[in-house]
PDB file of N, CA and C in Angstrom:
ATOM      1  N   MET A   1      13.641  -2.378  -0.508  1.00  0.00           N
ATOM      2  CA  MET A   1      13.876  -2.106  -1.909  1.00  0.00           C
ATOM      3  C   MET A   1      14.594  -0.785  -2.125  1.00  0.00           C
ATOM      4  N   ALA A   2      14.362   0.159  -1.224  1.00  0.00           N
ATOM      5  CA  ALA A   2      14.891   1.503  -1.441  1.00  0.00           C
ATOM      6  C   ALA A   2      16.411   1.532  -1.507  1.00  0.00           C
ATOM      7  N   THR A   3      17.081   0.598  -0.836  1.00  0.00           N
ATOM      8  CA  THR A   3      18.538   0.585  -0.835  1.00  0.00           C
ATOM      9  C   THR A   3      19.110  -0.414  -1.830  1.00  0.00           C
ATOM     10  N   SER A   4      18.267  -1.073  -2.583  1.00  0.00           N
ATOM     11  CA  SER A   4      18.715  -2.063  -3.557  1.00  0.00           C
ATOM     12  C   SER A   4      19.416  -1.380  -4.728  1.00  0.00           C
ATOM     13  N   PRO A   5      20.532  -1.945  -5.195  1.00  0.00           N
ATOM     14  CA  PRO A   5      21.213  -1.348  -6.350  1.00  0.00           C
ATOM     15  C   PRO A   5      20.349  -1.369  -7.620  1.00  0.00           C
ATOM     16  N   SER A   6      19.352  -2.251  -7.660  1.00  0.00           N
ATOM     17  CA  SER A   6      18.528  -2.370  -8.864  1.00  0.00           C
ATOM     18  C   SER A   6      17.253  -1.542  -8.815  1.00  0.00           C
ATOM     19  N   ILE A   7      17.059  -0.758  -7.766  1.00  0.00           N
ATOM     20  CA  ILE A   7      15.792  -0.050  -7.614  1.00  0.00           C
ATOM     21  C   ILE A   7      15.530   0.940  -8.747  1.00  0.00           C
ATOM     22  N   HIS A   8      16.541   1.662  -9.200  1.00  0.00           N
ATOM     23  CA  HIS A   8      16.321   2.626 -10.275  1.00  0.00           C
ATOM     24  C   HIS A   8      15.921   1.914 -11.569  1.00  0.00           C
ATOM     25  N   TRP A   9      16.532   0.780 -11.808  1.00  0.00           N
ATOM     26  CA  TRP A   9      16.189  -0.023 -12.988  1.00  0.00           C
ATOM     27  C   TRP A   9      14.743  -0.504 -12.886  1.00  0.00           C
ATOM     28  N   LEU A  10      14.334  -0.952 -11.697  1.00  0.00           N
ATOM     29  CA  LEU A  10      12.955  -1.404 -11.513  1.00  0.00           C
ATOM     30  C   LEU A  10      11.959  -0.267 -11.713  1.00  0.00           C
ATOM     31  N   LEU A  11      12.272   0.900 -11.186  1.00  0.00           N
ATOM     32  CA  LEU A  11      11.366   2.034 -11.313  1.00  0.00           C
ATOM     33  C   LEU A  11      11.258   2.532 -12.753  1.00  0.00           C
ATOM     34  N   GLU A  12      12.310   2.313 -13.544  1.00  0.00           N
ATOM     35  CA  GLU A  12      12.242   2.700 -14.952  1.00  0.00           C
ATOM     36  C   GLU A  12      11.324   1.780 -15.735  1.00  0.00           C
ATOM     37  N   ASP A  13      11.176   0.542 -15.277  1.00  0.00           N
ATOM     38  CA  ASP A  13      10.286  -0.411 -15.944  1.00  0.00           C
ATOM     39  C   ASP A  13       9.194  -0.807 -14.957  1.00  0.00           C
ATOM     40  N   VAL A  14       8.240   0.103 -14.754  1.00  0.00           N
ATOM     41  CA  VAL A  14       7.202  -0.137 -13.748  1.00  0.00           C
ATOM     42  C   VAL A  14       6.330  -1.339 -14.084  1.00  0.00           C
ATOM     43  N   ARG A  15       6.401  -1.805 -15.325  1.00  0.00           N
ATOM     44  CA  ARG A  15       5.628  -3.003 -15.669  1.00  0.00           C
ATOM     45  C   ARG A  15       6.030  -4.183 -14.792  1.00  0.00           C
ATOM     46  N   MET A  16       7.307  -4.254 -14.432  1.00  0.00           N
ATOM     47  CA  MET A  16       7.763  -5.336 -13.559  1.00  0.00           C
ATOM     48  C   MET A  16       7.146  -5.189 -12.168  1.00  0.00           C
ATOM     49  N   VAL A  17       7.113  -3.978 -11.661  1.00  0.00           N
ATOM     50  CA  VAL A  17       6.538  -3.741 -10.338  1.00  0.00           C
ATOM     51  C   VAL A  17       5.044  -4.068 -10.354  1.00  0.00           C
ATOM     52  N   ILE A  18       4.359  -3.652 -11.406  1.00  0.00           N
ATOM     53  CA  ILE A  18       2.927  -3.934 -11.517  1.00  0.00           C
ATOM     54  C   ILE A  18       2.690  -5.434 -11.633  1.00  0.00           C
ATOM     55  N   GLN A  19       3.578  -6.156 -12.305  1.00  0.00           N
ATOM     56  CA  GLN A  19       3.441  -7.616 -12.408  1.00  0.00           C
ATOM     57  C   GLN A  19       3.525  -8.259 -11.023  1.00  0.00           C
ATOM     58  N   VAL A  20       4.386  -7.728 -10.168  1.00  0.00           N
ATOM     59  CA  VAL A  20       4.471  -8.237  -8.795  1.00  0.00           C
ATOM     60  C   VAL A  20       3.141  -8.002  -8.084  1.00  0.00           C
ATOM     61  N   PHE A  21       2.565  -6.816  -8.246  1.00  0.00           N
ATOM     62  CA  PHE A  21       1.248  -6.537  -7.666  1.00  0.00           C
ATOM     63  C   PHE A  21       0.236  -7.560  -8.158  1.00  0.00           C
ATOM     64  N   LYS A  22       0.241  -7.819  -9.465  1.00  0.00           N
ATOM     65  CA  LYS A  22      -0.739  -8.740 -10.038  1.00  0.00           C
ATOM     66  C   LYS A  22      -0.582 -10.149  -9.486  1.00  0.00           C
ATOM     67  N   GLU A  23       0.647 -10.580  -9.295  1.00  0.00           N
ATOM     68  CA  GLU A  23       0.889 -11.949  -8.861  1.00  0.00           C
ATOM     69  C   GLU A  23       0.746 -12.134  -7.356  1.00  0.00           C
ATOM     70  N   ILE A  24       1.041 -11.108  -6.582  1.00  0.00           N
ATOM     71  CA  ILE A  24       1.045 -11.262  -5.126  1.00  0.00           C
ATOM     72  C   ILE A  24      -0.075 -10.474  -4.461  1.00  0.00           C
ATOM     73  N   SER A  25      -0.100  -9.178  -4.678  1.00  0.00           N
ATOM     74  CA  SER A  25      -1.029  -8.319  -3.952  1.00  0.00           C
ATOM     75  C   SER A  25      -2.478  -8.459  -4.405  1.00  0.00           C
ATOM     76  N   GLN A  26      -2.709  -8.497  -5.712  1.00  0.00           N
ATOM     77  CA  GLN A  26      -4.081  -8.519  -6.197  1.00  0.00           C
ATOM     78  C   GLN A  26      -4.884  -9.709  -5.674  1.00  0.00           C
ATOM     79  N   PRO A  27      -4.350 -10.940  -5.752  1.00  0.00           N
ATOM     80  CA  PRO A  27      -5.139 -12.056  -5.213  1.00  0.00           C
ATOM     81  C   PRO A  27      -5.434 -11.891  -3.723  1.00  0.00           C
ATOM     82  N   ASN A  28      -4.465 -11.380  -2.968  1.00  0.00           N
ATOM     83  CA  ASN A  28      -4.680 -11.159  -1.533  1.00  0.00           C
ATOM     84  C   ASN A  28      -5.742 -10.096  -1.294  1.00  0.00           C
ATOM     85  N   MET A  29      -5.692  -9.002  -2.063  1.00  0.00           N
ATOM     86  CA  MET A  29      -6.679  -7.935  -1.912  1.00  0.00           C
ATOM     87  C   MET A  29      -8.080  -8.450  -2.228  1.00  0.00           C
ATOM     88  N   GLU A  30      -8.199  -9.196  -3.317  1.00  0.00           N
ATOM     89  CA  GLU A  30      -9.512  -9.722  -3.697  1.00  0.00           C
ATOM     90  C   GLU A  30     -10.029 -10.706  -2.653  1.00  0.00           C
ATOM     91  N   ASN A  31      -9.142 -11.550  -2.122  1.00  0.00           N
ATOM     92  CA  ASN A  31      -9.555 -12.492  -1.074  1.00  0.00           C
ATOM     93  C   ASN A  31     -10.020 -11.750   0.174  1.00  0.00           C
ATOM     94  N   ASN A  32      -9.301 -10.695   0.554  1.00  0.00           N
ATOM     95  CA  ASN A  32      -9.723  -9.900   1.712  1.00  0.00           C
ATOM     96  C   ASN A  32     -11.094  -9.288   1.480  1.00  0.00           C
ATOM     97  N   PHE A  33     -11.312  -8.760   0.276  1.00  0.00           N
ATOM     98  CA  PHE A  33     -12.592  -8.149  -0.062  1.00  0.00           C
ATOM     99  C   PHE A  33     -13.710  -9.198   0.004  1.00  0.00           C
ATOM    100  N   LEU A  34     -13.484 -10.340  -0.631  1.00  0.00           N
ATOM    101  CA  LEU A  34     -14.503 -11.394  -0.643  1.00  0.00           C
ATOM    102  C   LEU A  34     -14.739 -11.966   0.754  1.00  0.00           C
ATOM    103  N   ASN A  35     -13.684 -12.131   1.532  1.00  0.00           N
ATOM    104  CA  ASN A  35     -13.852 -12.627   2.906  1.00  0.00           C
ATOM    105  C   ASN A  35     -14.630 -11.636   3.767  1.00  0.00           C
ATOM    106  N   ALA A  36     -14.423 -10.346   3.539  1.00  0.00           N
ATOM    107  CA  ALA A  36     -15.178  -9.334   4.286  1.00  0.00           C
ATOM    108  C   ALA A  36     -16.662  -9.414   3.942  1.00  0.00           C
ATOM    109  N   ILE A  37     -16.969  -9.696   2.680  1.00  0.00           N
ATOM    110  CA  ILE A  37     -18.372  -9.867   2.287  1.00  0.00           C
ATOM    111  C   ILE A  37     -18.951 -11.109   2.954  1.00  0.00           C
ATOM    112  N   LYS A  38     -18.207 -12.217   2.898  1.00  0.00           N
ATOM    113  CA  LYS A  38     -18.677 -13.469   3.500  1.00  0.00           C
ATOM    114  C   LYS A  38     -18.901 -13.315   4.998  1.00  0.00           C
ATOM    115  N   ALA A  39     -18.026 -12.562   5.659  1.00  0.00           N
ATOM    116  CA  ALA A  39     -18.145 -12.355   7.108  1.00  0.00           C
ATOM    117  C   ALA A  39     -19.157 -11.270   7.448  1.00  0.00           C
ATOM    118  N   LYS A  40     -19.803 -10.736   6.409  1.00  0.00           N
ATOM    119  CA  LYS A  40     -20.816  -9.687   6.566  1.00  0.00           C
ATOM    120  C   LYS A  40     -20.244  -8.403   7.183  1.00  0.00           C
ATOM    121  N   GLN A  41     -18.932  -8.209   6.972  1.00  0.00           N
ATOM    122  CA  GLN A  41     -18.310  -6.961   7.389  1.00  0.00           C
ATOM    123  C   GLN A  41     -18.603  -5.868   6.364  1.00  0.00           C
ATOM    124  N   LEU A  42     -18.821  -6.268   5.127  1.00  0.00           N
ATOM    125  CA  LEU A  42     -19.263  -5.364   4.075  1.00  0.00           C
ATOM    126  C   LEU A  42     -20.673  -5.788   3.708  1.00  0.00           C
ATOM    127  N   LYS A  43     -21.605  -4.887   3.907  1.00  0.00           N
ATOM    128  CA  LYS A  43     -23.008  -5.224   3.659  1.00  0.00           C
ATOM    129  C   LYS A  43     -23.518  -4.495   2.433  1.00  0.00           C
ATOM    130  N   ASN A  44     -24.537  -5.070   1.843  1.00  0.00           N
ATOM    131  CA  ASN A  44     -25.202  -4.476   0.676  1.00  0.00           C
ATOM    132  C   ASN A  44     -24.229  -4.206  -0.463  1.00  0.00           C
ATOM    133  N   THR A  45     -23.319  -5.135  -0.708  1.00  0.00           N
ATOM    134  CA  THR A  45     -22.368  -4.979  -1.805  1.00  0.00           C
ATOM    135  C   THR A  45     -22.944  -5.598  -3.070  1.00  0.00           C
ATOM    136  N   ASP A  46     -22.467  -5.095  -4.197  1.00  0.00           N
ATOM    137  CA  ASP A  46     -22.880  -5.658  -5.477  1.00  0.00           C
ATOM    138  C   ASP A  46     -21.677  -5.659  -6.414  1.00  0.00           C
ATOM    139  N   ILE A  47     -21.898  -6.032  -7.654  1.00  0.00           N
ATOM    140  CA  ILE A  47     -20.812  -6.127  -8.618  1.00  0.00           C
ATOM    141  C   ILE A  47     -20.136  -4.779  -8.838  1.00  0.00           C
ATOM    142  N   GLN A  48     -20.901  -3.692  -8.744  1.00  0.00           N
ATOM    143  CA  GLN A  48     -20.332  -2.352  -8.904  1.00  0.00           C
ATOM    144  C   GLN A  48     -19.280  -2.080  -7.826  1.00  0.00           C
ATOM    145  N   ASP A  49     -19.532  -2.555  -6.610  1.00  0.00           N
ATOM    146  CA  ASP A  49     -18.559  -2.374  -5.528  1.00  0.00           C
ATOM    147  C   ASP A  49     -17.251  -3.096  -5.852  1.00  0.00           C
ATOM    148  N   LEU A  50     -17.373  -4.299  -6.404  1.00  0.00           N
ATOM    149  CA  LEU A  50     -16.169  -5.048  -6.772  1.00  0.00           C
ATOM    150  C   LEU A  50     -15.419  -4.318  -7.892  1.00  0.00           C
ATOM    151  N   MET A  51     -16.142  -3.767  -8.844  1.00  0.00           N
ATOM    152  CA  MET A  51     -15.506  -3.026  -9.934  1.00  0.00           C
ATOM    153  C   MET A  51     -14.794  -1.778  -9.396  1.00  0.00           C
ATOM    154  N   GLU A  52     -15.417  -1.080  -8.463  1.00  0.00           N
ATOM    155  CA  GLU A  52     -14.789   0.091  -7.854  1.00  0.00           C
ATOM    156  C   GLU A  52     -13.563  -0.317  -7.055  1.00  0.00           C
ATOM    157  N   PHE A  53     -13.649  -1.456  -6.383  1.00  0.00           N
ATOM    158  CA  PHE A  53     -12.517  -1.974  -5.633  1.00  0.00           C
ATOM    159  C   PHE A  53     -11.346  -2.244  -6.573  1.00  0.00           C
ATOM    160  N   LYS A  54     -11.616  -2.862  -7.710  1.00  0.00           N
ATOM    161  CA  LYS A  54     -10.549  -3.160  -8.663  1.00  0.00           C
ATOM    162  C   LYS A  54      -9.926  -1.878  -9.221  1.00  0.00           C
ATOM    163  N   ALA A  55     -10.748  -0.874  -9.490  1.00  0.00           N
ATOM    164  CA  ALA A  55     -10.215   0.402  -9.975  1.00  0.00           C
ATOM    165  C   ALA A  55      -9.354   1.053  -8.892  1.00  0.00           C
ATOM    166  N   ALA A  56      -9.806   0.987  -7.654  1.00  0.00           N
ATOM    167  CA  ALA A  56      -9.048   1.565  -6.543  1.00  0.00           C
ATOM    168  C   ALA A  56      -7.714   0.850  -6.375  1.00  0.00           C
ATOM    169  N   ARG A  57      -7.706  -0.429  -6.642  1.00  0.00           N
ATOM    170  CA  ARG A  57      -6.476  -1.213  -6.529  1.00  0.00           C
ATOM    171  C   ARG A  57      -5.420  -0.686  -7.492  1.00  0.00           C
ATOM    172  N   HIS A  58      -5.824  -0.310  -8.705  1.00  0.00           N
ATOM    173  CA  HIS A  58      -4.867   0.238  -9.671  1.00  0.00           C
ATOM    174  C   HIS A  58      -4.305   1.571  -9.168  1.00  0.00           C
ATOM    175  N   TYR A  59      -5.148   2.373  -8.547  1.00  0.00           N
ATOM    176  CA  TYR A  59      -4.683   3.632  -7.958  1.00  0.00           C
ATOM    177  C   TYR A  59      -3.636   3.343  -6.883  1.00  0.00           C
ATOM    178  N   MET A  60      -3.899   2.317  -6.078  1.00  0.00           N
ATOM    179  CA  MET A  60      -2.953   1.942  -5.013  1.00  0.00           C
ATOM    180  C   MET A  60      -1.604   1.537  -5.591  1.00  0.00           C
ATOM    181  N   GLN A  61      -1.613   0.826  -6.710  1.00  0.00           N
ATOM    182  CA  GLN A  61      -0.351   0.430  -7.349  1.00  0.00           C
ATOM    183  C   GLN A  61       0.481   1.664  -7.674  1.00  0.00           C
ATOM    184  N   TRP A  62      -0.150   2.638  -8.299  1.00  0.00           N
ATOM    185  CA  TRP A  62       0.588   3.837  -8.695  1.00  0.00           C
ATOM    186  C   TRP A  62       0.978   4.669  -7.487  1.00  0.00           C
ATOM    187  N   ALA A  63       0.150   4.700  -6.469  1.00  0.00           N
ATOM    188  CA  ALA A  63       0.502   5.427  -5.240  1.00  0.00           C
ATOM    189  C   ALA A  63       1.725   4.788  -4.591  1.00  0.00           C
ATOM    190  N   ALA A  64       1.758   3.461  -4.567  1.00  0.00           N
ATOM    191  CA  ALA A  64       2.898   2.756  -3.969  1.00  0.00           C
ATOM    192  C   ALA A  64       4.173   2.995  -4.773  1.00  0.00           C
ATOM    193  N   ILE A  65       4.066   2.958  -6.082  1.00  0.00           N
ATOM    194  CA  ILE A  65       5.242   3.205  -6.925  1.00  0.00           C
ATOM    195  C   ILE A  65       5.753   4.631  -6.705  1.00  0.00           C
ATOM    196  N   GLY A  66       4.835   5.591  -6.625  1.00  0.00           N
ATOM    197  CA  GLY A  66       5.233   6.974  -6.357  1.00  0.00           C
ATOM    198  C   GLY A  66       5.910   7.119  -5.007  1.00  0.00           C
ATOM    199  N   ALA A  67       5.401   6.399  -4.003  1.00  0.00           N
ATOM    200  CA  ALA A  67       6.002   6.455  -2.665  1.00  0.00           C
ATOM    201  C   ALA A  67       7.408   5.875  -2.680  1.00  0.00           C
ATOM    202  N   VAL A  68       7.600   4.761  -3.391  1.00  0.00           N
ATOM    203  CA  VAL A  68       8.933   4.162  -3.487  1.00  0.00           C
ATOM    204  C   VAL A  68       9.886   5.133  -4.165  1.00  0.00           C
ATOM    205  N   GLU A  69       9.435   5.796  -5.225  1.00  0.00           N
ATOM    206  CA  GLU A  69      10.285   6.772  -5.912  1.00  0.00           C
ATOM    207  C   GLU A  69      10.688   7.912  -4.981  1.00  0.00           C
ATOM    208  N   GLN A  70       9.759   8.380  -4.153  1.00  0.00           N
ATOM    209  CA  GLN A  70      10.076   9.462  -3.222  1.00  0.00           C
ATOM    210  C   GLN A  70      11.120   9.024  -2.203  1.00  0.00           C
ATOM    211  N   VAL A  71      11.042   7.777  -1.760  1.00  0.00           N
ATOM    212  CA  VAL A  71      12.038   7.262  -0.813  1.00  0.00           C
ATOM    213  C   VAL A  71      13.391   7.133  -1.498  1.00  0.00           C
ATOM    214  N   VAL A  72      13.399   6.539  -2.690  1.00  0.00           N
ATOM    215  CA  VAL A  72      14.645   6.334  -3.429  1.00  0.00           C
ATOM    216  C   VAL A  72      15.322   7.664  -3.744  1.00  0.00           C
ATOM    217  N   ASN A  73      14.533   8.672  -4.075  1.00  0.00           N
ATOM    218  CA  ASN A  73      15.090   9.989  -4.404  1.00  0.00           C
ATOM    219  C   ASN A  73      15.453  10.806  -3.175  1.00  0.00           C
ATOM    220  N   GLY A  74      15.236  10.254  -1.983  1.00  0.00           N
ATOM    221  CA  GLY A  74      15.594  10.950  -0.754  1.00  0.00           C
ATOM    222  C   GLY A  74      14.631  12.056  -0.360  1.00  0.00           C
ATOM    223  N   GLU A  75      13.459  12.107  -1.007  1.00  0.00           N
ATOM    224  CA  GLU A  75      12.480  13.146  -0.690  1.00  0.00           C
ATOM    225  C   GLU A  75      11.755  12.857   0.623  1.00  0.00           C
ATOM    226  N   LEU A  76      11.526  11.572   0.907  1.00  0.00           N
ATOM    227  CA  LEU A  76      10.824  11.149   2.123  1.00  0.00           C
ATOM    228  C   LEU A  76      11.505   9.928   2.712  1.00  0.00           C
ATOM    229  N   THR A  77      11.322   9.739   4.017  1.00  0.00           N
ATOM    230  CA  THR A  77      11.756   8.488   4.632  1.00  0.00           C
ATOM    231  C   THR A  77      10.692   7.429   4.315  1.00  0.00           C
ATOM    232  N   GLU A  78      11.006   6.178   4.555  1.00  0.00           N
ATOM    233  CA  GLU A  78      10.030   5.110   4.323  1.00  0.00           C
ATOM    234  C   GLU A  78       8.767   5.351   5.139  1.00  0.00           C
ATOM    235  N   LYS A  79       8.940   5.751   6.381  1.00  0.00           N
ATOM    236  CA  LYS A  79       7.791   5.959   7.260  1.00  0.00           C
ATOM    237  C   LYS A  79       6.961   7.161   6.820  1.00  0.00           C
ATOM    238  N   GLU A  80       7.614   8.225   6.361  1.00  0.00           N
ATOM    239  CA  GLU A  80       6.881   9.386   5.861  1.00  0.00           C
ATOM    240  C   GLU A  80       6.076   9.016   4.608  1.00  0.00           C
ATOM    241  N   ALA A  81       6.700   8.243   3.727  1.00  0.00           N
ATOM    242  CA  ALA A  81       6.014   7.825   2.499  1.00  0.00           C
ATOM    243  C   ALA A  81       4.804   6.957   2.832  1.00  0.00           C
ATOM    244  N   PHE A  82       4.978   6.021   3.763  1.00  0.00           N
ATOM    245  CA  PHE A  82       3.851   5.174   4.185  1.00  0.00           C
ATOM    246  C   PHE A  82       2.729   6.031   4.762  1.00  0.00           C
ATOM    247  N   SER A  83       3.085   6.942   5.634  1.00  0.00           N
ATOM    248  CA  SER A  83       2.094   7.793   6.275  1.00  0.00           C
ATOM    249  C   SER A  83       1.330   8.621   5.240  1.00  0.00           C
ATOM    250  N   ASN A  84       2.042   9.190   4.273  1.00  0.00           N
ATOM    251  CA  ASN A  84       1.388   9.991   3.230  1.00  0.00           C
ATOM    252  C   ASN A  84       0.406   9.158   2.419  1.00  0.00           C
ATOM    253  N   VAL A  85       0.827   7.971   2.007  1.00  0.00           N
ATOM    254  CA  VAL A  85      -0.069   7.106   1.232  1.00  0.00           C
ATOM    255  C   VAL A  85      -1.265   6.714   2.090  1.00  0.00           C
ATOM    256  N   ALA A  86      -1.013   6.318   3.330  1.00  0.00           N
ATOM    257  CA  ALA A  86      -2.096   5.868   4.210  1.00  0.00           C
ATOM    258  C   ALA A  86      -3.107   6.976   4.495  1.00  0.00           C
ATOM    259  N   LYS A  87      -2.642   8.199   4.558  1.00  0.00           N
ATOM    260  CA  LYS A  87      -3.558   9.321   4.844  1.00  0.00           C
ATOM    261  C   LYS A  87      -4.293   9.811   3.607  1.00  0.00           C
ATOM    262  N   ASN A  88      -3.791   9.484   2.432  1.00  0.00           N
ATOM    263  CA  ASN A  88      -4.402   9.985   1.208  1.00  0.00           C
ATOM    264  C   ASN A  88      -5.207   8.947   0.438  1.00  0.00           C
ATOM    265  N   VAL A  89      -5.224   7.734   0.943  1.00  0.00           N
ATOM    266  CA  VAL A  89      -5.996   6.675   0.311  1.00  0.00           C
ATOM    267  C   VAL A  89      -6.963   6.127   1.343  1.00  0.00           C
ATOM    268  N   MET A  90      -8.252   6.223   1.065  1.00  0.00           N
ATOM    269  CA  MET A  90      -9.235   5.731   2.016  1.00  0.00           C
ATOM    270  C   MET A  90      -9.563   4.278   1.694  1.00  0.00           C
ATOM    271  N   VAL A  91      -9.067   3.377   2.531  1.00  0.00           N
ATOM    272  CA  VAL A  91      -9.358   1.959   2.369  1.00  0.00           C
ATOM    273  C   VAL A  91     -10.609   1.615   3.160  1.00  0.00           C
ATOM    274  N   VAL A  92     -10.685   2.140   4.348  1.00  0.00           N
ATOM    275  CA  VAL A  92     -11.837   1.938   5.221  1.00  0.00           C
ATOM    276  C   VAL A  92     -12.332   3.318   5.644  1.00  0.00           C
ATOM    277  N   ASN A  93     -13.625   3.506   5.608  1.00  0.00           N
ATOM    278  CA  ASN A  93     -14.197   4.804   5.945  1.00  0.00           C
ATOM    279  C   ASN A  93     -14.316   4.933   7.468  1.00  0.00           C
ATOM    280  N   ILE A  94     -13.255   5.480   8.074  1.00  0.00           N
ATOM    281  CA  ILE A  94     -13.243   5.714   9.517  1.00  0.00           C
ATOM    282  C   ILE A  94     -12.846   7.168   9.748  1.00  0.00           C
ATOM    283  N   PRO A  95     -13.162   7.699  10.913  1.00  0.00           N
ATOM    284  CA  PRO A  95     -12.776   9.090  11.197  1.00  0.00           C
ATOM    285  C   PRO A  95     -11.252   9.274  11.115  1.00  0.00           C
ATOM    286  N   ASP A  96     -10.836  10.461  10.673  1.00  0.00           N
ATOM    287  CA  ASP A  96      -9.407  10.743  10.517  1.00  0.00           C
ATOM    288  C   ASP A  96      -8.626  10.529  11.809  1.00  0.00           C
ATOM    289  N   VAL A  97      -9.206  10.861  12.937  1.00  0.00           N
ATOM    290  CA  VAL A  97      -8.510  10.703  14.223  1.00  0.00           C
ATOM    291  C   VAL A  97      -8.201   9.227  14.468  1.00  0.00           C
ATOM    292  N   GLN A  98      -9.160   8.375  14.194  1.00  0.00           N
ATOM    293  CA  GLN A  98      -8.962   6.935  14.373  1.00  0.00           C
ATOM    294  C   GLN A  98      -7.937   6.417  13.359  1.00  0.00           C
ATOM    295  N   ARG A  99      -8.040   6.867  12.116  1.00  0.00           N
ATOM    296  CA  ARG A  99      -7.081   6.482  11.074  1.00  0.00           C
ATOM    297  C   ARG A  99      -5.666   6.874  11.481  1.00  0.00           C
ATOM    298  N   ASP A 100      -5.504   8.114  11.945  1.00  0.00           N
ATOM    299  CA  ASP A 100      -4.181   8.603  12.342  1.00  0.00           C
ATOM    300  C   ASP A 100      -3.608   7.796  13.502  1.00  0.00           C
ATOM    301  N   ALA A 101      -4.455   7.391  14.440  1.00  0.00           N
ATOM    302  CA  ALA A 101      -3.998   6.577  15.574  1.00  0.00           C
ATOM    303  C   ALA A 101      -3.498   5.213  15.078  1.00  0.00           C
ATOM    304  N   ILE A 102      -4.193   4.647  14.110  1.00  0.00           N
ATOM    305  CA  ILE A 102      -3.778   3.351  13.548  1.00  0.00           C
ATOM    306  C   ILE A 102      -2.454   3.500  12.813  1.00  0.00           C
ATOM    307  N   ILE A 103      -2.323   4.564  12.021  1.00  0.00           N
ATOM    308  CA  ILE A 103      -1.069   4.808  11.295  1.00  0.00           C
ATOM    309  C   ILE A 103       0.074   4.991  12.275  1.00  0.00           C
ATOM    310  N   GLU A 104      -0.147   5.755  13.324  1.00  0.00           N
ATOM    311  CA  GLU A 104       0.888   5.987  14.339  1.00  0.00           C
ATOM    312  C   GLU A 104       1.323   4.677  14.991  1.00  0.00           C
ATOM    313  N   ARG A 105       0.365   3.812  15.301  1.00  0.00           N
ATOM    314  CA  ARG A 105       0.685   2.508  15.900  1.00  0.00           C
ATOM    315  C   ARG A 105       1.531   1.671  14.940  1.00  0.00           C
ATOM    316  N   ILE A 106       1.143   1.654  13.671  1.00  0.00           N
ATOM    317  CA  ILE A 106       1.892   0.885  12.667  1.00  0.00           C
ATOM    318  C   ILE A 106       3.315   1.421  12.535  1.00  0.00           C
ATOM    319  N   LEU A 107       3.469   2.743  12.542  1.00  0.00           N
ATOM    320  CA  LEU A 107       4.792   3.341  12.391  1.00  0.00           C
ATOM    321  C   LEU A 107       5.725   3.016  13.556  1.00  0.00           C
ATOM    322  N   LYS A 108       5.164   2.708  14.708  1.00  0.00           N
ATOM    323  CA  LYS A 108       5.988   2.362  15.882  1.00  0.00           C
ATOM    324  C   LYS A 108       6.423   0.903  15.882  1.00  0.00           C
ATOM    325  N   GLU A 109       5.771   0.084  15.072  1.00  0.00           N
ATOM    326  CA  GLU A 109       6.085  -1.351  15.046  1.00  0.00           C
ATOM    327  C   GLU A 109       7.358  -1.611  14.249  1.00  0.00           C
ATOM    328  N   THR A 110       8.036  -2.670  14.604  1.00  0.00           N
ATOM    329  CA  THR A 110       9.225  -3.113  13.880  1.00  0.00           C
ATOM    330  C   THR A 110       8.962  -4.535  13.413  1.00  0.00           C
ATOM    331  N   TYR A 111       9.359  -4.822  12.200  1.00  0.00           N
ATOM    332  CA  TYR A 111       9.108  -6.128  11.610  1.00  0.00           C
ATOM    333  C   TYR A 111      10.417  -6.863  11.363  1.00  0.00           C
ATOM    334  N   ASP A 112      10.346  -8.190  11.377  1.00  0.00           N
ATOM    335  CA  ASP A 112      11.540  -9.007  11.173  1.00  0.00           C
ATOM    336  C   ASP A 112      12.218  -8.722   9.836  1.00  0.00           C
ATOM    337  N   TRP A 113      11.425  -8.379   8.815  1.00  0.00           N
ATOM    338  CA  TRP A 113      11.976  -8.174   7.488  1.00  0.00           C
ATOM    339  C   TRP A 113      12.645  -6.820   7.332  1.00  0.00           C
ATOM    340  N   GLU A 114      12.495  -5.931   8.282  1.00  0.00           N
ATOM    341  CA  GLU A 114      13.119  -4.618   8.173  1.00  0.00           C
ATOM    342  C   GLU A 114      14.624  -4.743   8.360  1.00  0.00           C
ATOM    343  N   ILE A 115      15.354  -4.047   7.544  1.00  0.00           N
ATOM    344  CA  ILE A 115      16.815  -4.037   7.654  1.00  0.00           C
ATOM    345  C   ILE A 115      17.199  -2.853   8.522  1.00  0.00           C
ATOM    346  N   LYS A 116      17.866  -3.129   9.598  1.00  0.00           N
ATOM    347  CA  LYS A 116      18.263  -2.048  10.500  1.00  0.00           C
ATOM    348  C   LYS A 116      19.224  -1.107   9.789  1.00  0.00           C
ATOM    349  N   GLY A 117      18.983   0.170   9.938  1.00  0.00           N
ATOM    350  CA  GLY A 117      19.862   1.169   9.334  1.00  0.00           C
ATOM    351  C   GLY A 117      19.538   1.477   7.882  1.00  0.00           C
ATOM    352  N   SER A 118      18.440   0.927   7.354  1.00  0.00           N
ATOM    353  CA  SER A 118      18.107   1.212   5.953  1.00  0.00           C
ATOM    354  C   SER A 118      17.459   2.589   5.859  1.00  0.00           C
ATOM    355  N   VAL A 119      17.169   3.001   4.655  1.00  0.00           N
ATOM    356  CA  VAL A 119      16.583   4.319   4.411  1.00  0.00           C
ATOM    357  C   VAL A 119      15.290   4.462   5.199  1.00  0.00           C
ATOM    358  N   GLY A 120      15.121   5.580   5.853  1.00  0.00           N
ATOM    359  CA  GLY A 120      13.874   5.885   6.540  1.00  0.00           C
ATOM    360  C   GLY A 120      13.770   5.331   7.938  1.00  0.00           C
ATOM    361  N   LYS A 121      14.833   4.814   8.493  1.00  0.00           N
ATOM    362  CA  LYS A 121      14.779   4.251   9.840  1.00  0.00           C
ATOM    363  C   LYS A 121      15.336   5.237  10.826  1.00  0.00           C
TER     364      LYS A 121
END
């Protein structure tokens, strides 16, 4: 998205970006949360936990939008923006050393959808 000619237009109307989150990311996030409960990976959960999860999800939306803006404005590379968001948002409560190792592993991976030579590569 960072190299798309329409990115500035999208960032000016963040409602469109949030709608994408609502249609794609939110159902996946909720399914992951519910599946973790079913698999007993999350124990002693209640409705308050789900409410906190939903509130955290909104924070993630804005964090992601801010990261995209930093990439588009040339302030950070894609990988730097990902690393900053990943280090500042606690999704799973694990020690920082373990978290950093996971982030480092992810940053070394290459995905089919990545465009070679795009911003942050």
